[in-house]
Amino acid sequence: MTSSENFAEIESLLSKLKTKPATSETSSTIIDKLENLIKTEKRKSTGVLQKFRLDSQVALVTGGSRGIGYAIAQALGEAGCKVAIASINFENAKIASEKLQAQGIEALAIQVDVAQKSSVDE
C-alpha cells in the first residue's frame, strides 16, 4: 500500500473508533497509535522529505541511541534510509533501534566504541 492508501485506511479506522465511545483502555490505546501513524504519514508526505529522499541508502549513526544522534537517525530513517545505531552501550542502541522500528524505520543496533580502533575494526 502507498502512503496515501495507508493514510486513508488509518483515518477510516480512527473515525470508526471515535464514533463509538472508548470504553476500554485498549480502544484509547488504538486511537493514540492511529493518531501517531497519521502524524507520521503527514510528515512523510510534506516538506523537505519529499525532496530529500535516501531510499536504498544505509547510514551508520554513532551516538544514535539518544539525544541529537537519535534525532538524526530518526530523520534519516524518515527519509527512507536504513539506519545502524552504533553505541558503546548495546542495550541503549537496541532500545533506540526498536523505537525506530516501531515507526516503520529499518534499524539495527551495533555495539562499538569509536574511541578504540580495535572496536571499530571489528
N, C-alpha and C. Protein backbone atom coordinates (compact mmCIF):
# COMPACT_ATOMS: atom_id res chain seq x y z
N MET A 1 0.84 -1.19 0.00
CA MET A 1 0.00 0.00 0.00
C MET A 1 0.88 1.25 0.00
N THR A 2 0.41 2.24 -0.70
CA THR A 2 1.12 3.51 -0.71
C THR A 2 0.81 4.27 0.56
N SER A 3 1.58 5.31 0.81
CA SER A 3 1.33 6.14 1.99
C SER A 3 -0.07 6.72 1.97
N SER A 4 -0.52 7.17 0.80
CA SER A 4 -1.86 7.77 0.74
C SER A 4 -2.95 6.74 1.02
N GLU A 5 -2.75 5.51 0.57
CA GLU A 5 -3.71 4.44 0.88
C GLU A 5 -3.69 4.11 2.37
N ASN A 6 -2.49 4.05 2.94
CA ASN A 6 -2.37 3.81 4.38
C ASN A 6 -3.06 4.92 5.16
N PHE A 7 -2.83 6.14 4.72
CA PHE A 7 -3.40 7.30 5.39
C PHE A 7 -4.93 7.25 5.36
N ALA A 8 -5.51 6.91 4.22
CA ALA A 8 -6.97 6.83 4.10
C ALA A 8 -7.52 5.72 5.00
N GLU A 9 -6.84 4.59 5.02
CA GLU A 9 -7.28 3.48 5.87
C GLU A 9 -7.20 3.84 7.35
N ILE A 10 -6.12 4.48 7.73
CA ILE A 10 -5.94 4.88 9.13
C ILE A 10 -7.03 5.86 9.54
N GLU A 11 -7.28 6.86 8.69
CA GLU A 11 -8.33 7.84 9.00
C GLU A 11 -9.69 7.17 9.13
N SER A 12 -9.97 6.21 8.28
CA SER A 12 -11.24 5.50 8.32
C SER A 12 -11.39 4.72 9.64
N LEU A 13 -10.35 4.00 10.02
CA LEU A 13 -10.39 3.25 11.28
C LEU A 13 -10.52 4.17 12.48
N LEU A 14 -9.79 5.26 12.45
CA LEU A 14 -9.86 6.21 13.55
C LEU A 14 -11.25 6.81 13.67
N SER A 15 -11.85 7.14 12.53
CA SER A 15 -13.20 7.69 12.52
C SER A 15 -14.20 6.71 13.12
N LYS A 16 -14.08 5.44 12.76
CA LYS A 16 -14.97 4.41 13.30
C LYS A 16 -14.81 4.26 14.80
N LEU A 17 -13.57 4.30 15.26
CA LEU A 17 -13.33 4.17 16.70
C LEU A 17 -13.87 5.36 17.48
N LYS A 18 -13.76 6.55 16.89
CA LYS A 18 -14.21 7.75 17.60
C LYS A 18 -15.73 7.88 17.64
N THR A 19 -16.44 7.23 16.72
CA THR A 19 -17.90 7.33 16.73
C THR A 19 -18.49 6.51 17.87
N LYS A 20 -17.75 5.53 18.33
CA LYS A 20 -18.17 4.75 19.49
C LYS A 20 -17.31 5.19 20.67
N PRO A 21 -17.92 5.53 21.80
CA PRO A 21 -17.11 5.97 22.94
C PRO A 21 -16.10 4.90 23.36
N ALA A 22 -14.89 5.34 23.62
CA ALA A 22 -13.85 4.42 24.07
C ALA A 22 -14.16 3.98 25.49
N THR A 23 -14.56 2.73 25.64
CA THR A 23 -14.94 2.23 26.96
C THR A 23 -13.83 1.43 27.61
N SER A 24 -12.78 1.19 26.88
CA SER A 24 -11.69 0.43 27.47
C SER A 24 -10.36 1.10 27.16
N GLU A 25 -9.39 0.73 27.95
CA GLU A 25 -8.04 1.26 27.74
C GLU A 25 -7.50 0.85 26.37
N THR A 26 -7.88 -0.33 25.91
CA THR A 26 -7.43 -0.82 24.61
C THR A 26 -7.89 0.10 23.48
N SER A 27 -9.15 0.52 23.52
CA SER A 27 -9.65 1.43 22.48
C SER A 27 -8.89 2.74 22.49
N SER A 28 -8.64 3.27 23.67
CA SER A 28 -7.89 4.53 23.78
C SER A 28 -6.48 4.37 23.23
N THR A 29 -5.86 3.24 23.53
CA THR A 29 -4.52 2.98 23.03
C THR A 29 -4.51 2.89 21.51
N ILE A 30 -5.50 2.22 20.94
CA ILE A 30 -5.59 2.10 19.48
C ILE A 30 -5.74 3.48 18.85
N ILE A 31 -6.59 4.30 19.43
CA ILE A 31 -6.79 5.65 18.91
C ILE A 31 -5.49 6.43 18.95
N ASP A 32 -4.77 6.37 20.07
CA ASP A 32 -3.49 7.07 20.19
C ASP A 32 -2.49 6.61 19.13
N LYS A 33 -2.40 5.29 18.94
CA LYS A 33 -1.47 4.75 17.95
C LYS A 33 -1.85 5.19 16.54
N LEU A 34 -3.13 5.16 16.24
CA LEU A 34 -3.57 5.58 14.91
C LEU A 34 -3.29 7.06 14.67
N GLU A 35 -3.52 7.89 15.69
CA GLU A 35 -3.23 9.32 15.54
C GLU A 35 -1.74 9.55 15.29
N ASN A 36 -0.89 8.79 15.98
CA ASN A 36 0.55 8.91 15.75
C ASN A 36 0.93 8.48 14.34
N LEU A 37 0.30 7.41 13.84
CA LEU A 37 0.58 6.97 12.46
C LEU A 37 0.17 8.03 11.45
N ILE A 38 -0.96 8.68 11.70
CA ILE A 38 -1.41 9.74 10.80
C ILE A 38 -0.40 10.88 10.79
N LYS A 39 0.07 11.29 11.97
CA LYS A 39 1.06 12.36 12.05
C LYS A 39 2.33 11.98 11.29
N THR A 40 2.77 10.73 11.45
CA THR A 40 3.97 10.26 10.76
C THR A 40 3.79 10.30 9.25
N GLU A 41 2.65 9.82 8.78
CA GLU A 41 2.39 9.81 7.34
C GLU A 41 2.30 11.24 6.79
N LYS A 42 1.69 12.14 7.54
CA LYS A 42 1.61 13.54 7.09
C LYS A 42 3.00 14.14 6.98
N ARG A 43 3.85 13.84 7.97
CA ARG A 43 5.21 14.36 7.96
C ARG A 43 5.98 13.82 6.77
N LYS A 44 5.79 12.55 6.45
CA LYS A 44 6.48 11.94 5.31
C LYS A 44 6.05 12.54 3.98
N SER A 45 4.80 12.93 3.89
CA SER A 45 4.25 13.34 2.60
C SER A 45 4.41 14.83 2.31
N THR A 46 4.99 15.58 3.22
CA THR A 46 5.11 17.02 3.01
C THR A 46 6.54 17.50 3.23
N GLY A 47 6.80 18.69 2.73
CA GLY A 47 8.03 19.38 3.05
C GLY A 47 9.29 18.79 2.45
N VAL A 48 10.37 18.98 3.18
CA VAL A 48 11.71 18.66 2.73
C VAL A 48 11.88 17.17 2.43
N LEU A 49 11.21 16.30 3.17
CA LEU A 49 11.43 14.88 2.98
C LEU A 49 11.07 14.40 1.58
N GLN A 50 10.17 15.09 0.90
CA GLN A 50 9.84 14.69 -0.47
C GLN A 50 11.01 14.99 -1.41
N LYS A 51 11.78 16.02 -1.11
CA LYS A 51 12.92 16.39 -1.94
C LYS A 51 14.19 15.68 -1.49
N PHE A 52 14.24 15.32 -0.23
CA PHE A 52 15.43 14.74 0.37
C PHE A 52 15.18 13.28 0.69
N ARG A 53 15.20 12.43 -0.32
CA ARG A 53 14.93 11.00 -0.14
C ARG A 53 16.26 10.23 -0.13
N LEU A 54 16.34 9.27 0.76
CA LEU A 54 17.54 8.45 0.88
C LEU A 54 17.21 6.96 0.76
N ASP A 55 16.18 6.66 -0.03
CA ASP A 55 15.79 5.27 -0.22
C ASP A 55 16.99 4.46 -0.73
N SER A 56 17.13 3.24 -0.24
CA SER A 56 18.21 2.32 -0.61
C SER A 56 19.57 2.72 -0.07
N GLN A 57 19.63 3.72 0.78
CA GLN A 57 20.89 4.13 1.39
C GLN A 57 20.96 3.57 2.81
N VAL A 58 22.18 3.48 3.34
CA VAL A 58 22.40 2.99 4.70
C VAL A 58 23.24 4.03 5.44
N ALA A 59 22.83 4.33 6.68
CA ALA A 59 23.58 5.28 7.50
C ALA A 59 24.03 4.62 8.79
N LEU A 60 25.26 4.87 9.18
CA LEU A 60 25.78 4.44 10.47
C LEU A 60 25.82 5.68 11.34
N VAL A 61 25.02 5.69 12.40
CA VAL A 61 24.92 6.86 13.27
C VAL A 61 25.57 6.52 14.60
N THR A 62 26.75 7.12 14.85
CA THR A 62 27.41 6.91 16.13
C THR A 62 26.75 7.82 17.16
N GLY A 63 26.58 7.31 18.36
CA GLY A 63 25.89 8.08 19.39
C GLY A 63 24.41 8.22 19.09
N GLY A 64 23.86 7.29 18.32
CA GLY A 64 22.47 7.40 17.88
C GLY A 64 21.44 6.85 18.84
N SER A 65 21.87 6.46 20.03
CA SER A 65 20.91 5.87 20.96
C SER A 65 20.13 6.91 21.75
N ARG A 66 20.56 8.18 21.69
CA ARG A 66 19.82 9.21 22.43
C ARG A 66 20.17 10.60 21.90
N GLY A 67 19.41 11.57 22.34
CA GLY A 67 19.69 12.96 22.04
C GLY A 67 19.72 13.30 20.56
N ILE A 68 20.69 14.14 20.20
CA ILE A 68 20.81 14.60 18.82
C ILE A 68 21.08 13.42 17.87
N GLY A 69 21.90 12.48 18.31
CA GLY A 69 22.19 11.31 17.47
C GLY A 69 20.93 10.53 17.13
N TYR A 70 20.05 10.36 18.13
CA TYR A 70 18.79 9.64 17.88
C TYR A 70 17.92 10.44 16.92
N ALA A 71 17.85 11.75 17.11
CA ALA A 71 17.04 12.60 16.22
C ALA A 71 17.55 12.52 14.78
N ILE A 72 18.86 12.48 14.62
CA ILE A 72 19.44 12.36 13.28
C ILE A 72 19.09 11.00 12.68
N ALA A 73 19.21 9.93 13.48
CA ALA A 73 18.87 8.59 13.00
C ALA A 73 17.40 8.53 12.59
N GLN A 74 16.54 9.15 13.38
CA GLN A 74 15.10 9.17 13.08
C GLN A 74 14.84 9.93 11.78
N ALA A 75 15.46 11.09 11.61
CA ALA A 75 15.26 11.88 10.39
C ALA A 75 15.77 11.13 9.16
N LEU A 76 16.93 10.50 9.28
CA LEU A 76 17.45 9.72 8.15
C LEU A 76 16.51 8.57 7.81
N GLY A 77 15.98 7.91 8.83
CA GLY A 77 15.03 6.83 8.61
C GLY A 77 13.75 7.30 7.96
N GLU A 78 13.25 8.45 8.38
CA GLU A 78 12.04 9.01 7.78
C GLU A 78 12.27 9.38 6.32
N ALA A 79 13.53 9.67 5.98
CA ALA A 79 13.87 9.99 4.60
C ALA A 79 14.11 8.73 3.76
N GLY A 80 13.90 7.55 4.37
CA GLY A 80 13.99 6.31 3.63
C GLY A 80 15.26 5.52 3.84
N CYS A 81 16.16 6.04 4.64
CA CYS A 81 17.45 5.40 4.88
C CYS A 81 17.31 4.23 5.86
N LYS A 82 18.09 3.18 5.65
CA LYS A 82 18.24 2.13 6.65
C LYS A 82 19.27 2.64 7.64
N VAL A 83 19.03 2.44 8.94
CA VAL A 83 19.86 3.06 9.96
C VAL A 83 20.49 2.02 10.88
N ALA A 84 21.80 2.15 11.09
CA ALA A 84 22.51 1.34 12.08
C ALA A 84 22.87 2.27 13.24
N ILE A 85 22.37 1.95 14.42
CA ILE A 85 22.65 2.74 15.62
C ILE A 85 23.89 2.15 16.29
N ALA A 86 24.97 2.91 16.33
CA ALA A 86 26.21 2.46 16.95
C ALA A 86 26.38 3.16 18.28
N SER A 87 26.61 2.37 19.33
CA SER A 87 26.78 2.93 20.66
C SER A 87 27.71 2.04 21.46
N ILE A 88 28.38 2.63 22.43
CA ILE A 88 29.22 1.85 23.33
C ILE A 88 28.36 0.94 24.20
N ASN A 89 27.10 1.36 24.43
CA ASN A 89 26.16 0.59 25.24
C ASN A 89 25.16 -0.10 24.32
N PHE A 90 25.32 -1.41 24.13
CA PHE A 90 24.47 -2.15 23.20
C PHE A 90 23.00 -2.08 23.59
N GLU A 91 22.70 -2.17 24.88
CA GLU A 91 21.30 -2.16 25.32
C GLU A 91 20.61 -0.86 24.92
N ASN A 92 21.29 0.28 25.09
CA ASN A 92 20.72 1.57 24.68
C ASN A 92 20.52 1.63 23.17
N ALA A 93 21.49 1.10 22.43
CA ALA A 93 21.36 1.08 20.97
C ALA A 93 20.19 0.20 20.54
N LYS A 94 20.02 -0.92 21.22
CA LYS A 94 18.91 -1.83 20.91
C LYS A 94 17.57 -1.16 21.17
N ILE A 95 17.44 -0.48 22.30
CA ILE A 95 16.19 0.22 22.63
C ILE A 95 15.89 1.27 21.57
N ALA A 96 16.91 2.04 21.18
CA ALA A 96 16.72 3.08 20.16
C ALA A 96 16.31 2.47 18.82
N SER A 97 16.95 1.38 18.43
CA SER A 97 16.61 0.76 17.15
C SER A 97 15.20 0.19 17.18
N GLU A 98 14.77 -0.34 18.32
CA GLU A 98 13.40 -0.85 18.44
C GLU A 98 12.37 0.28 18.34
N LYS A 99 12.70 1.44 18.91
CA LYS A 99 11.80 2.60 18.79
C LYS A 99 11.66 3.01 17.32
N LEU A 100 12.77 3.02 16.62
CA LEU A 100 12.73 3.38 15.20
C LEU A 100 11.95 2.35 14.40
N GLN A 101 12.15 1.07 14.70
CA GLN A 101 11.42 0.01 14.01
C GLN A 101 9.92 0.14 14.24
N ALA A 102 9.52 0.57 15.44
CA ALA A 102 8.10 0.76 15.73
C ALA A 102 7.50 1.88 14.88
N GLN A 103 8.37 2.76 14.37
CA GLN A 103 7.92 3.85 13.49
C GLN A 103 8.01 3.47 12.02
N GLY A 104 8.34 2.21 11.76
CA GLY A 104 8.44 1.75 10.38
C GLY A 104 9.80 1.99 9.74
N ILE A 105 10.79 2.31 10.54
CA ILE A 105 12.14 2.57 10.04
C ILE A 105 12.97 1.30 10.20
N GLU A 106 13.67 0.92 9.14
CA GLU A 106 14.54 -0.26 9.22
C GLU A 106 15.81 0.14 9.98
N ALA A 107 16.00 -0.47 11.15
CA ALA A 107 17.12 -0.09 12.02
C ALA A 107 17.69 -1.30 12.74
N LEU A 108 18.98 -1.21 13.06
CA LEU A 108 19.61 -2.25 13.87
C LEU A 108 20.59 -1.62 14.83
N ALA A 109 20.94 -2.37 15.87
CA ALA A 109 21.85 -1.88 16.91
C ALA A 109 23.21 -2.53 16.75
N ILE A 110 24.25 -1.73 16.97
CA ILE A 110 25.63 -2.22 16.92
C ILE A 110 26.38 -1.67 18.13
N GLN A 111 27.13 -2.54 18.81
CA GLN A 111 27.96 -2.07 19.91
C GLN A 111 29.34 -1.75 19.37
N VAL A 112 29.79 -0.53 19.59
CA VAL A 112 31.12 -0.12 19.15
C VAL A 112 31.59 1.06 20.01
N ASP A 113 32.88 1.08 20.30
CA ASP A 113 33.50 2.21 20.99
C ASP A 113 34.38 2.91 19.96
N VAL A 114 33.90 4.02 19.41
CA VAL A 114 34.63 4.68 18.32
C VAL A 114 35.96 5.27 18.78
N ALA A 115 36.18 5.35 20.09
CA ALA A 115 37.46 5.82 20.61
C ALA A 115 38.53 4.72 20.56
N GLN A 116 38.11 3.48 20.31
CA GLN A 116 39.03 2.34 20.25
C GLN A 116 39.07 1.78 18.83
N LYS A 117 40.21 1.95 18.16
CA LYS A 117 40.35 1.48 16.78
C LYS A 117 40.00 0.00 16.64
N SER A 118 40.40 -0.81 17.60
CA SER A 118 40.12 -2.25 17.51
C SER A 118 38.62 -2.53 17.52
N SER A 119 37.86 -1.72 18.25
CA SER A 119 36.40 -1.89 18.29
C SER A 119 35.78 -1.52 16.95
N VAL A 120 36.30 -0.48 16.33
CA VAL A 120 35.79 -0.04 15.02
C VAL A 120 36.13 -1.07 13.95
N ASP A 121 37.33 -1.63 14.03
CA ASP A 121 37.78 -2.61 13.04
C ASP A 121 36.93 -3.88 13.04
N GLU A 122 36.36 -4.22 14.18
CA GLU A 122 35.53 -5.43 14.28
C GLU A 122 34.32 -5.26 13.43
